[in-house]
């Protein structure tokens, strides 16, 4: 349950996620995903490769959406 001050609603109170902050998190996710793939291949931990590839693909899909579709 979220906490707000008296008289505040979710729309008027609290800190909102800005688009720049969200894009920065996605770029970080892309870099981390690539790092997980490389580390997983070197350590022969294929679950880490799959997890990192999924993170990288999701990040690329979001960036493509932001740049070309939105």
C-alpha atoms as a PDB file:
ATOM      1  CA  UNK A   1       0.000   0.000   0.000  1.00  0.00           C
ATOM      2  CA  UNK A   2       1.414   3.359  -0.981  1.00  0.00           C
ATOM      3  CA  UNK A   3       1.631   6.190   1.504  1.00  0.00           C
ATOM      4  CA  UNK A   4       0.699   9.740   0.622  1.00  0.00           C
ATOM      5  CA  UNK A   5       0.340  12.862   2.676  1.00  0.00           C
ATOM      6  CA  UNK A   6      -3.119  13.971   3.674  1.00  0.00           C
ATOM      7  CA  UNK A   7      -4.927  15.371   0.661  1.00  0.00           C
ATOM      8  CA  UNK A   8      -2.539  13.904  -1.906  1.00  0.00           C
ATOM      9  CA  UNK A   9      -3.457  11.390  -4.555  1.00  0.00           C
ATOM     10  CA  UNK A  10      -1.131   9.205  -6.628  1.00  0.00           C
ATOM     11  CA  UNK A  11      -1.393  11.759  -9.451  1.00  0.00           C
ATOM     12  CA  UNK A  12      -0.562  14.828  -7.351  1.00  0.00           C
ATOM     13  CA  UNK A  13       1.870  13.508  -4.761  1.00  0.00           C
ATOM     14  CA  UNK A  14       5.211  11.815  -4.659  1.00  0.00           C
ATOM     15  CA  UNK A  15       8.063  11.735  -7.115  1.00  0.00           C
ATOM     16  CA  UNK A  16       7.210  10.714 -10.628  1.00  0.00           C
ATOM     17  CA  UNK A  17       9.425   8.679 -12.914  1.00  0.00           C
ATOM     18  CA  UNK A  18      10.715  11.018 -15.594  1.00  0.00           C
ATOM     19  CA  UNK A  19      11.310   9.851 -19.141  1.00  0.00           C
ATOM     20  CA  UNK A  20      15.053  10.546 -18.856  1.00  0.00           C
ATOM     21  CA  UNK A  21      15.313   8.428 -15.716  1.00  0.00           C
ATOM     22  CA  UNK A  22      13.420   5.587 -17.354  1.00  0.00           C
ATOM     23  CA  UNK A  23      15.551   5.742 -20.505  1.00  0.00           C
ATOM     24  CA  UNK A  24      18.684   5.725 -18.361  1.00  0.00           C
ATOM     25  CA  UNK A  25      17.480   2.608 -16.565  1.00  0.00           C
ATOM     26  CA  UNK A  26      16.813   0.941 -19.926  1.00  0.00           C
ATOM     27  CA  UNK A  27      20.300   1.794 -21.210  1.00  0.00           C
ATOM     28  CA  UNK A  28      21.750   0.413 -17.984  1.00  0.00           C
ATOM     29  CA  UNK A  29      19.679  -2.743 -18.491  1.00  0.00           C
ATOM     30  CA  UNK A  30      21.051  -3.085 -22.012  1.00  0.00           C
ATOM     31  CA  UNK A  31      24.636  -2.791 -20.807  1.00  0.00           C
ATOM     32  CA  UNK A  32      23.983  -5.199 -17.913  1.00  0.00           C
ATOM     33  CA  UNK A  33      22.297  -7.682 -20.263  1.00  0.00           C
ATOM     34  CA  UNK A  34      25.274  -7.693 -22.596  1.00  0.00           C
ATOM     35  CA  UNK A  35      27.566  -8.137 -19.604  1.00  0.00           C
ATOM     36  CA  UNK A  36      25.497 -11.070 -18.365  1.00  0.00           C
ATOM     37  CA  UNK A  37      25.686 -12.738 -21.771  1.00  0.00           C
ATOM     38  CA  UNK A  38      29.472 -12.368 -21.897  1.00  0.00           C
ATOM     39  CA  UNK A  39      29.917 -13.548 -18.303  1.00  0.00           C
ATOM     40  CA  UNK A  40      27.547 -16.458 -18.845  1.00  0.00           C
ATOM     41  CA  UNK A  41      29.388 -17.621 -21.956  1.00  0.00           C
ATOM     42  CA  UNK A  42      32.771 -17.442 -20.234  1.00  0.00           C
ATOM     43  CA  UNK A  43      31.530 -19.306 -17.157  1.00  0.00           C
ATOM     44  CA  UNK A  44      29.407 -21.752 -19.187  1.00  0.00           C
ATOM     45  CA  UNK A  45      26.326 -20.711 -17.202  1.00  0.00           C
ATOM     46  CA  UNK A  46      23.716 -20.803 -19.932  1.00  0.00           C
ATOM     47  CA  UNK A  47      20.854 -19.662 -17.721  1.00  0.00           C
ATOM     48  CA  UNK A  48      22.757 -16.394 -17.326  1.00  0.00           C
ATOM     49  CA  UNK A  49      23.137 -16.122 -21.107  1.00  0.00           C
ATOM     50  CA  UNK A  50      19.385 -16.581 -21.571  1.00  0.00           C
ATOM     51  CA  UNK A  51      18.587 -14.129 -18.790  1.00  0.00           C
ATOM     52  CA  UNK A  52      21.015 -11.515 -20.138  1.00  0.00           C
ATOM     53  CA  UNK A  53      19.779 -11.968 -23.700  1.00  0.00           C
ATOM     54  CA  UNK A  54      16.206 -11.466 -22.550  1.00  0.00           C
ATOM     55  CA  UNK A  55      17.153  -8.307 -20.676  1.00  0.00           C
ATOM     56  CA  UNK A  56      19.100  -6.958 -23.640  1.00  0.00           C
ATOM     57  CA  UNK A  57      16.282  -7.754 -26.095  1.00  0.00           C
ATOM     58  CA  UNK A  58      13.685  -6.113 -23.870  1.00  0.00           C
ATOM     59  CA  UNK A  59      15.880  -3.023 -23.565  1.00  0.00           C
ATOM     60  CA  UNK A  60      16.435  -2.829 -27.321  1.00  0.00           C
ATOM     61  CA  UNK A  61      12.705  -3.253 -27.943  1.00  0.00           C
ATOM     62  CA  UNK A  62      11.932  -0.372 -25.581  1.00  0.00           C
ATOM     63  CA  UNK A  63      14.557   1.880 -27.164  1.00  0.00           C
ATOM     64  CA  UNK A  64      13.275   1.094 -30.670  1.00  0.00           C
ATOM     65  CA  UNK A  65       9.764   1.931 -29.488  1.00  0.00           C
ATOM     66  CA  UNK A  66      10.923   5.231 -27.973  1.00  0.00           C
ATOM     67  CA  UNK A  67      12.953   6.292 -31.007  1.00  0.00           C
ATOM     68  CA  UNK A  68      10.874   5.142 -33.957  1.00  0.00           C
ATOM     69  CA  UNK A  69       7.289   4.517 -32.859  1.00  0.00           C
ATOM     70  CA  UNK A  70       6.486   7.034 -30.141  1.00  0.00           C
END
